[in-house]
Amino acid sequence: MRLKIFTVIITIFLTSGTIFLGVPPAGAVDPQTVPVSELEDELTAIEKELTDLEKEIDVLLEDLVDPRITSLSVFFAAQNIRGQVPVLLQVQLDGAPLTSREITEADRLVLVRGGAIEVHSGITEPVSQNLAVECILSSKELPEGVSSTGKEIFKFEPVRARANFIEITLSEEFINKTPVLKLGARHWSKEP
């Protein structure tokens, strides 16, 4: 037992040679040479980092104690579309493909009657995200028979531990008596 205590004491003396030898450890800075403002800035940065870590820990503990899923459902609706029929809807979330949905005849009947079709249902992270949407349409009036709305990007932030919904709407507007197809989106959430 005495040998063990003696070994521990020797280890402490050897590892903390700065106490007995008076030599500062490598990389140590003399506090008298560092301005107080730099120390205050460092302290502020450390406090901010600790606050951020505390927030992360709170979220992780909340998930551990009461896991809640942030869900996301995406719907598609069409309004006042004449002469062109949606055939494909492509949706990306933060640059990664989310869904690519071919619009069936049954889907078109729902759209014509003013309804909306669900194109995606899943879970997501409760952080700010970008939803990129492109709709491909077919038309007998166009020589190539197919047109695109182009890609529109919508920013939204899912609410944590809630059911989140996004409705993508394709509508036709007239600008200088010329029909123009536009994509719009709205986001809402509710308690599951």
Protein backbone atom coordinates (compact mmCIF):
# COMPACT_ATOMS: atom_id res chain seq x y z
CA MET A 1 0.00 0.00 0.00
CA ARG A 2 2.83 2.42 0.91
CA LEU A 3 4.57 1.59 -2.37
CA LYS A 4 1.41 2.46 -4.29
CA ILE A 5 1.02 5.81 -2.48
CA PHE A 6 4.72 6.58 -3.00
CA THR A 7 4.38 5.77 -6.75
CA VAL A 8 1.38 8.09 -7.06
CA ILE A 9 3.23 10.92 -5.28
CA ILE A 10 6.31 10.49 -7.50
CA THR A 11 4.07 10.50 -10.62
CA ILE A 12 2.43 13.73 -9.48
CA PHE A 13 5.82 15.36 -8.84
CA LEU A 14 7.19 14.31 -12.21
CA THR A 15 4.15 15.42 -14.22
CA SER A 16 3.89 18.73 -12.43
CA GLY A 17 7.52 19.71 -12.62
CA THR A 18 6.49 23.28 -13.08
CA ILE A 19 5.62 23.55 -9.40
CA PHE A 20 9.01 22.47 -8.15
CA LEU A 21 11.26 23.59 -10.94
CA GLY A 22 9.57 26.92 -11.53
CA VAL A 23 9.55 26.30 -15.29
CA PRO A 24 6.35 27.28 -17.09
CA PRO A 25 4.76 24.50 -19.19
CA ALA A 26 5.32 24.57 -22.96
CA GLY A 27 3.00 27.01 -24.73
CA ALA A 28 2.23 28.93 -21.52
CA VAL A 29 2.01 32.70 -21.83
CA ASP A 30 3.03 35.08 -19.11
CA PRO A 31 -0.26 36.68 -17.97
CA GLN A 32 1.47 40.04 -17.52
CA THR A 33 2.28 40.21 -21.26
CA VAL A 34 -1.29 39.52 -22.49
CA PRO A 35 -3.59 42.57 -22.62
CA VAL A 36 -6.77 42.33 -20.55
CA SER A 37 -8.97 43.02 -23.59
CA GLU A 38 -7.66 39.89 -25.35
CA LEU A 39 -8.38 37.81 -22.25
CA GLU A 40 -11.89 39.26 -22.06
CA ASP A 41 -12.49 38.44 -25.74
CA GLU A 42 -11.29 34.88 -25.16
CA LEU A 43 -13.53 34.54 -22.13
CA THR A 44 -16.53 35.86 -24.09
CA ALA A 45 -15.86 33.37 -26.90
CA ILE A 46 -15.61 30.50 -24.42
CA GLU A 47 -18.86 31.59 -22.71
CA LYS A 48 -20.65 31.68 -26.09
CA GLU A 49 -19.30 28.24 -26.97
CA LEU A 50 -20.51 26.89 -23.59
CA THR A 51 -23.96 28.41 -24.15
CA ASP A 52 -24.21 26.78 -27.60
CA LEU A 53 -23.13 23.44 -26.14
CA GLU A 54 -25.71 23.74 -23.36
CA LYS A 55 -28.44 24.33 -25.96
CA GLU A 56 -27.32 21.26 -27.93
CA ILE A 57 -27.29 19.17 -24.75
CA ASP A 58 -30.80 20.40 -23.86
CA VAL A 59 -32.11 19.33 -27.29
CA LEU A 60 -30.38 15.94 -27.04
CA LEU A 61 -31.72 15.36 -23.53
CA GLU A 62 -35.20 16.37 -24.66
CA ASP A 63 -35.00 13.87 -27.51
CA LEU A 64 -33.70 11.20 -25.16
CA VAL A 65 -36.38 11.72 -22.52
CA ASP A 66 -39.26 12.52 -24.88
CA PRO A 67 -38.39 11.69 -28.50
CA ARG A 68 -40.58 13.63 -30.88
CA ILE A 69 -40.48 13.37 -34.61
CA THR A 70 -40.58 16.41 -36.88
CA SER A 71 -42.64 15.21 -39.82
CA LEU A 72 -42.95 16.72 -43.29
CA SER A 73 -45.75 16.18 -45.79
CA VAL A 74 -45.64 17.80 -49.23
CA PHE A 75 -48.80 18.31 -51.30
CA PHE A 76 -49.31 19.49 -54.88
CA ALA A 77 -52.29 21.47 -56.21
CA ALA A 78 -53.05 23.16 -59.53
CA GLN A 79 -55.26 26.21 -60.15
CA ASN A 80 -56.58 27.65 -63.43
CA ILE A 81 -54.36 25.54 -65.70
CA ARG A 82 -55.68 25.58 -69.27
CA GLY A 83 -54.29 23.63 -72.18
CA GLN A 84 -51.34 22.17 -70.24
CA VAL A 85 -51.35 19.05 -68.12
CA PRO A 86 -48.85 18.39 -65.31
CA VAL A 87 -47.09 15.08 -65.98
CA LEU A 88 -44.14 15.10 -63.55
CA LEU A 89 -43.25 16.87 -60.32
CA GLN A 90 -39.64 16.87 -59.11
CA VAL A 91 -38.83 18.05 -55.58
CA GLN A 92 -35.43 18.47 -53.93
CA LEU A 93 -34.67 19.28 -50.30
CA ASP A 94 -31.37 21.16 -49.76
CA GLY A 95 -30.03 19.90 -53.10
CA ALA A 96 -30.85 16.22 -52.49
CA PRO A 97 -33.76 14.56 -54.35
CA LEU A 98 -36.82 14.31 -52.11
CA THR A 99 -39.36 12.93 -54.57
CA SER A 100 -40.08 12.59 -58.27
CA ARG A 101 -43.77 11.94 -58.83
CA GLU A 102 -45.42 11.09 -62.13
CA ILE A 103 -48.89 12.61 -62.21
CA THR A 104 -51.38 9.87 -63.03
CA GLU A 105 -54.82 10.25 -64.59
CA ALA A 106 -56.40 9.78 -61.14
CA ASP A 107 -54.12 12.55 -59.80
CA ARG A 108 -55.19 14.85 -62.66
CA LEU A 109 -58.87 14.31 -61.79
CA VAL A 110 -58.15 15.34 -58.19
CA LEU A 111 -56.26 18.42 -59.40
CA VAL A 112 -58.99 19.43 -61.87
CA ARG A 113 -61.57 19.27 -59.07
CA GLY A 114 -59.49 21.67 -56.96
CA GLY A 115 -57.94 19.06 -54.68
CA ALA A 116 -54.34 18.41 -53.73
CA ILE A 117 -52.31 15.22 -53.96
CA GLU A 118 -49.71 14.12 -51.41
CA VAL A 119 -46.34 13.67 -53.12
CA HIS A 120 -44.14 13.07 -50.06
CA SER A 121 -44.47 12.06 -46.42
CA GLY A 122 -41.52 11.54 -44.07
CA ILE A 123 -39.43 13.02 -41.27
CA THR A 124 -37.04 15.96 -41.41
CA GLU A 125 -34.62 17.98 -39.32
CA PRO A 126 -36.04 21.11 -37.64
CA VAL A 127 -33.59 23.49 -39.33
CA SER A 128 -33.90 26.08 -42.08
CA GLN A 129 -34.23 24.25 -45.43
CA ASN A 130 -34.62 24.96 -49.14
CA LEU A 131 -37.26 23.16 -51.16
CA ALA A 132 -36.59 23.19 -54.92
CA VAL A 133 -39.58 22.36 -57.14
CA GLU A 134 -39.90 21.83 -60.89
CA CYS A 135 -43.06 20.79 -62.73
CA ILE A 136 -43.01 19.25 -66.22
CA LEU A 137 -46.16 19.76 -68.30
CA SER A 138 -47.39 18.40 -71.60
CA SER A 139 -49.26 20.50 -74.14
CA LYS A 140 -50.71 19.81 -77.58
CA GLU A 141 -50.12 23.44 -78.52
CA LEU A 142 -46.32 23.32 -78.10
CA PRO A 143 -44.23 21.86 -80.96
CA GLU A 144 -42.09 19.74 -78.63
CA GLY A 145 -45.15 18.80 -76.57
CA VAL A 146 -43.41 19.29 -73.19
CA SER A 147 -42.61 22.39 -71.15
CA SER A 148 -41.15 23.09 -67.73
CA THR A 149 -41.96 25.66 -65.08
CA GLY A 150 -38.27 25.91 -64.29
CA LYS A 151 -36.94 25.31 -60.81
CA GLU A 152 -38.34 27.46 -58.01
CA ILE A 153 -36.74 27.47 -54.55
CA PHE A 154 -38.77 28.01 -51.39
CA LYS A 155 -37.18 28.54 -47.96
CA PHE A 156 -38.93 27.20 -44.88
CA GLU A 157 -38.13 26.11 -41.33
CA PRO A 158 -39.94 23.02 -39.99
CA VAL A 159 -41.21 23.41 -36.44
CA ARG A 160 -39.65 20.86 -34.11
CA ALA A 161 -41.86 18.06 -32.77
CA ARG A 162 -44.79 19.04 -34.99
CA ALA A 163 -46.46 17.89 -38.16
CA ASN A 164 -45.22 20.21 -40.93
CA PHE A 165 -47.05 20.64 -44.22
CA ILE A 166 -46.03 22.30 -47.48
CA GLU A 167 -48.50 22.87 -50.29
CA ILE A 168 -46.95 23.51 -53.69
CA THR A 169 -49.37 25.27 -56.04
CA LEU A 170 -49.09 25.54 -59.82
CA SER A 171 -51.15 28.42 -61.19
CA GLU A 172 -51.55 30.30 -64.43
CA GLU A 173 -51.34 34.09 -64.40
CA PHE A 174 -51.66 36.56 -67.23
CA ILE A 175 -48.88 39.10 -67.71
CA ASN A 176 -49.58 41.48 -70.64
CA LYS A 177 -52.31 39.06 -71.81
CA THR A 178 -49.74 36.25 -71.99
CA PRO A 179 -50.33 33.18 -69.79
CA VAL A 180 -47.43 32.43 -67.44
CA LEU A 181 -47.17 29.37 -65.18
CA LYS A 182 -46.03 30.05 -61.62
CA LEU A 183 -45.14 27.82 -58.72
CA GLY A 184 -45.93 28.90 -55.19
CA ALA A 185 -45.60 27.24 -51.80
CA ARG A 186 -46.91 27.74 -48.31
CA HIS A 187 -45.78 26.09 -45.08
CA TRP A 188 -47.77 25.50 -41.90
CA SER A 189 -47.50 23.19 -38.89
CA LYS A 190 -49.69 21.79 -36.17
CA GLU A 191 -49.44 19.59 -33.07
CA PRO A 192 -49.36 15.90 -34.04
